[in-house]
Amino acid sequence: MMRTLDNLQMDGGCLVFNFVNTVNTRKPAPEFDYLETFEDVLTWSAKAESLDRAQLQSLSEYAVQKPDAALAVLQDVIEAREMLYGLFSAIAKGTPPDVTVTDAFNQRLSIAFQRIHLTFGPAGAEIHLGGKGVSLDEPLLPVLKSAFDILTRDGFERIKECPRCGWLFLDTSKNGKRKWCDMNVCGSREKSLEYYYRKTKARHNT
């Protein structure tokens, strides 16, 4: 089956992990990147429902007018994604993230949070990301907010990395024993391999 954003699985359990998982695998190195153009970033944002339709339309139109700027932002989006992978992959392994990764995250977070504002209504306060104008880096803002939420709300023991493909996921199982990004994909493949190795070993021993 051809890989497209339409059939990309969203198994991360949170926005930031679904964003980091926009490559087909990390073990070995990624072979396919779902974010090859700025329009892909917008398509993913629509799939993740991280931006509304009006925002996506404005960003798409602005990117057509400013193709060089859109390309630069695409490169920055990829850089941010790899930084976030480095951050959460280390946490999933139970090790402190590299100081350069932590510094890069804090810098991005500081800039992003300068653009958070609240509005108040009968139902209470609502958080809004971004300003009144159009900024091509808007797709990153909810991702960084999601990263902050995961780091400050949930126990690190729930942050995991699939041992087969390297995708990140938030373990929301009751017993906290989830191992695979998707039991029907990586889990099934691993079980098939284990079965194959057992059968092969049994033949060699007879």
Protein backbone atom coordinates (compact mmCIF):
# COMPACT_ATOMS: atom_id res chain seq x y z
CA MET A 1 0.00 0.00 0.00
CA MET A 2 1.30 3.44 -0.93
CA ARG A 3 2.24 5.54 2.09
CA THR A 4 0.23 8.74 2.35
CA LEU A 5 -0.88 11.06 5.11
CA ASP A 6 -4.39 9.70 4.60
CA ASN A 7 -3.38 6.23 5.79
CA LEU A 8 -0.79 7.35 8.34
CA GLN A 9 -1.74 5.79 11.67
CA MET A 10 -2.07 8.10 14.66
CA ASP A 11 -0.98 5.72 17.40
CA GLY A 12 0.97 8.15 19.57
CA GLY A 13 -1.83 8.89 22.02
CA CYS A 14 -1.12 12.63 21.97
CA LEU A 15 -0.49 15.36 19.42
CA VAL A 16 3.26 15.68 19.91
CA PHE A 17 3.92 11.95 19.51
CA ASN A 18 1.74 11.75 16.41
CA PHE A 19 3.81 14.62 15.03
CA VAL A 20 7.13 12.93 15.82
CA ASN A 21 5.82 9.74 14.20
CA THR A 22 5.54 11.30 10.74
CA VAL A 23 8.30 9.01 9.48
CA ASN A 24 7.67 5.37 8.66
CA THR A 25 10.29 4.05 11.09
CA ARG A 26 13.28 5.04 13.16
CA LYS A 27 14.78 1.56 13.41
CA PRO A 28 16.79 1.65 11.26
CA ALA A 29 16.88 5.26 10.03
CA PRO A 30 13.66 6.63 8.47
CA GLU A 31 13.02 5.46 4.93
CA PHE A 32 9.98 7.63 4.25
CA ASP A 33 9.04 11.08 5.48
CA TYR A 34 5.38 12.05 5.41
CA LEU A 35 6.25 15.77 5.61
CA GLU A 36 7.94 16.51 2.30
CA THR A 37 6.26 19.85 1.60
CA PHE A 38 4.73 22.63 3.65
CA GLU A 39 1.35 21.57 2.29
CA ASP A 40 1.99 18.17 3.86
CA VAL A 41 2.42 19.90 7.21
CA LEU A 42 -0.99 21.51 6.75
CA THR A 43 -2.54 18.22 5.67
CA TRP A 44 -1.17 16.55 8.78
CA SER A 45 -2.46 19.42 10.94
CA ALA A 46 -5.90 18.94 9.43
CA LYS A 47 -5.75 15.18 10.10
CA ALA A 48 -4.63 15.82 13.69
CA GLU A 49 -7.28 18.55 14.09
CA SER A 50 -4.66 20.82 15.63
CA LEU A 51 -5.66 23.83 13.50
CA ASP A 52 -9.10 24.90 12.37
CA ARG A 53 -10.23 25.18 8.76
CA ALA A 54 -9.86 28.96 8.62
CA GLN A 55 -6.28 28.79 9.90
CA LEU A 56 -5.38 26.08 7.40
CA GLN A 57 -6.87 28.02 4.50
CA SER A 58 -5.04 31.20 5.46
CA LEU A 59 -1.74 29.36 5.86
CA SER A 60 -2.14 27.55 2.55
CA GLU A 61 -2.82 30.81 0.69
CA TYR A 62 0.06 32.58 2.42
CA ALA A 63 2.46 29.73 1.61
CA VAL A 64 1.60 30.05 -2.08
CA GLN A 65 2.46 33.75 -1.90
CA LYS A 66 5.68 33.11 0.06
CA PRO A 67 7.14 29.82 -1.24
CA ASP A 68 10.68 30.52 0.02
CA ALA A 69 9.39 31.29 3.49
CA ALA A 70 7.23 28.14 3.43
CA LEU A 71 10.27 26.04 2.50
CA ALA A 72 12.28 27.56 5.35
CA VAL A 73 9.49 26.82 7.81
CA LEU A 74 9.22 23.25 6.52
CA GLN A 75 12.91 22.76 7.29
CA ASP A 76 12.36 24.24 10.75
CA VAL A 77 9.39 21.93 11.33
CA ILE A 78 11.56 18.90 10.52
CA GLU A 79 14.30 20.20 12.81
CA ALA A 80 11.76 20.63 15.61
CA ARG A 81 10.40 17.14 15.03
CA GLU A 82 13.83 15.56 15.32
CA MET A 83 14.58 17.59 18.43
CA LEU A 84 11.33 16.38 20.01
CA TYR A 85 12.16 12.81 19.10
CA GLY A 86 15.55 13.14 20.78
CA LEU A 87 13.91 14.61 23.87
CA PHE A 88 11.18 12.01 24.34
CA SER A 89 13.22 9.04 23.12
CA ALA A 90 15.72 9.69 25.89
CA ILE A 91 12.91 9.96 28.45
CA ALA A 92 11.39 6.70 27.17
CA LYS A 93 14.76 5.02 27.72
CA GLY A 94 14.92 6.39 31.26
CA THR A 95 17.88 8.67 30.58
CA PRO A 96 18.16 12.47 30.82
CA PRO A 97 17.89 14.18 27.41
CA ASP A 98 21.06 15.70 26.00
CA VAL A 99 21.58 19.26 27.27
CA THR A 100 21.63 20.64 23.72
CA VAL A 101 18.26 19.02 23.05
CA THR A 102 16.84 20.39 26.30
CA ASP A 103 18.15 23.87 25.53
CA ALA A 104 16.65 23.77 22.04
CA PHE A 105 13.29 22.66 23.43
CA ASN A 106 13.28 25.36 26.10
CA GLN A 107 14.10 28.01 23.54
CA ARG A 108 11.27 26.95 21.25
CA LEU A 109 8.88 26.63 24.16
CA SER A 110 9.71 30.12 25.40
CA ILE A 111 9.03 31.63 21.98
CA ALA A 112 5.81 29.65 21.54
CA PHE A 113 4.43 30.59 24.96
CA GLN A 114 4.91 34.27 24.22
CA ARG A 115 2.11 33.81 21.68
CA ILE A 116 -0.40 32.18 24.02
CA HIS A 117 -3.34 34.33 25.04
CA LEU A 118 -6.62 33.75 26.84
CA THR A 119 -10.17 34.79 26.13
CA PHE A 120 -12.96 34.60 28.68
CA GLY A 121 -16.57 33.64 28.15
CA PRO A 122 -19.52 32.16 30.04
CA ALA A 123 -17.91 28.70 30.02
CA GLY A 124 -14.60 29.98 31.36
CA ALA A 125 -11.20 30.73 29.85
CA GLU A 126 -10.04 29.48 26.47
CA ILE A 127 -6.40 29.15 25.40
CA HIS A 128 -5.48 30.48 21.97
CA LEU A 129 -2.15 29.98 20.20
CA GLY A 130 -0.74 32.48 17.74
CA GLY A 131 -1.52 36.08 16.99
CA LYS A 132 -3.94 37.97 14.78
CA GLY A 133 -1.77 37.81 11.67
CA VAL A 134 -0.76 34.78 9.61
CA SER A 135 2.47 33.08 10.65
CA LEU A 136 3.69 30.00 8.82
CA ASP A 137 5.03 28.41 12.00
CA GLU A 138 1.53 28.13 13.48
CA PRO A 139 1.38 24.32 12.99
CA LEU A 140 4.22 23.95 15.50
CA LEU A 141 2.55 25.89 18.30
CA PRO A 142 -0.04 23.27 19.37
CA VAL A 143 2.64 20.57 19.03
CA LEU A 144 4.92 22.38 21.47
CA LYS A 145 1.99 22.98 23.81
CA SER A 146 1.25 19.25 23.67
CA ALA A 147 4.88 18.45 24.49
CA PHE A 148 4.71 20.76 27.50
CA ASP A 149 1.48 19.14 28.68
CA ILE A 150 2.94 15.63 28.45
CA LEU A 151 6.06 16.63 30.34
CA THR A 152 4.17 18.33 33.15
CA ARG A 153 0.98 16.31 33.54
CA ASP A 154 1.82 12.65 33.07
CA GLY A 155 4.33 10.34 34.67
CA PHE A 156 7.37 9.66 32.55
CA GLU A 157 6.74 5.91 32.88
CA ARG A 158 3.88 6.33 30.40
CA ILE A 159 6.20 7.76 27.71
CA LYS A 160 7.35 4.84 25.59
CA GLU A 161 9.12 4.02 22.34
CA CYS A 162 8.13 1.05 20.22
CA PRO A 163 11.06 -1.40 20.27
CA ARG A 164 10.42 -2.43 16.68
CA CYS A 165 9.83 0.82 14.74
CA GLY A 166 10.87 3.54 17.18
CA TRP A 167 7.54 5.35 17.15
CA LEU A 168 6.71 7.15 20.38
CA PHE A 169 3.47 6.58 22.21
CA LEU A 170 1.72 7.45 25.45
CA ASP A 171 0.84 4.28 27.31
CA THR A 172 -2.71 4.77 28.55
CA SER A 173 -3.33 1.10 29.31
CA LYS A 174 -4.63 0.30 32.78
CA ASN A 175 -1.61 -1.75 33.78
CA GLY A 176 0.96 0.44 32.01
CA LYS A 177 2.40 -2.62 30.22
CA ARG A 178 1.80 -1.64 26.61
CA LYS A 179 4.89 -2.47 24.56
CA TRP A 180 4.09 -1.77 20.92
CA CYS A 181 2.89 1.31 19.05
CA ASP A 182 0.22 -0.95 17.55
CA MET A 183 -0.23 -4.58 18.56
CA ASN A 184 -1.73 -5.37 15.16
CA VAL A 185 1.30 -3.99 13.31
CA CYS A 186 4.59 -4.10 15.17
CA GLY A 187 3.36 -6.55 17.79
CA SER A 188 2.10 -8.96 15.14
CA ARG A 189 5.32 -8.71 13.14
CA GLU A 190 7.42 -9.38 16.21
CA LYS A 191 5.35 -12.43 17.14
CA SER A 192 5.67 -13.73 13.58
CA LEU A 193 9.44 -13.37 13.74
CA GLU A 194 9.59 -15.11 17.12
CA TYR A 195 7.53 -17.97 15.71
CA TYR A 196 9.81 -18.21 12.67
CA TYR A 197 12.94 -18.29 14.84
CA ARG A 198 11.46 -20.98 17.11
CA LYS A 199 10.54 -23.16 14.13
CA THR A 200 13.96 -22.65 12.56
CA LYS A 201 15.72 -23.52 15.80
CA ALA A 202 13.56 -26.61 16.24
CA ARG A 203 14.43 -27.84 12.72
CA HIS A 204 18.13 -27.34 13.38
CA ASN A 205 17.91 -29.31 16.63
CA THR A 206 16.28 -32.35 15.04
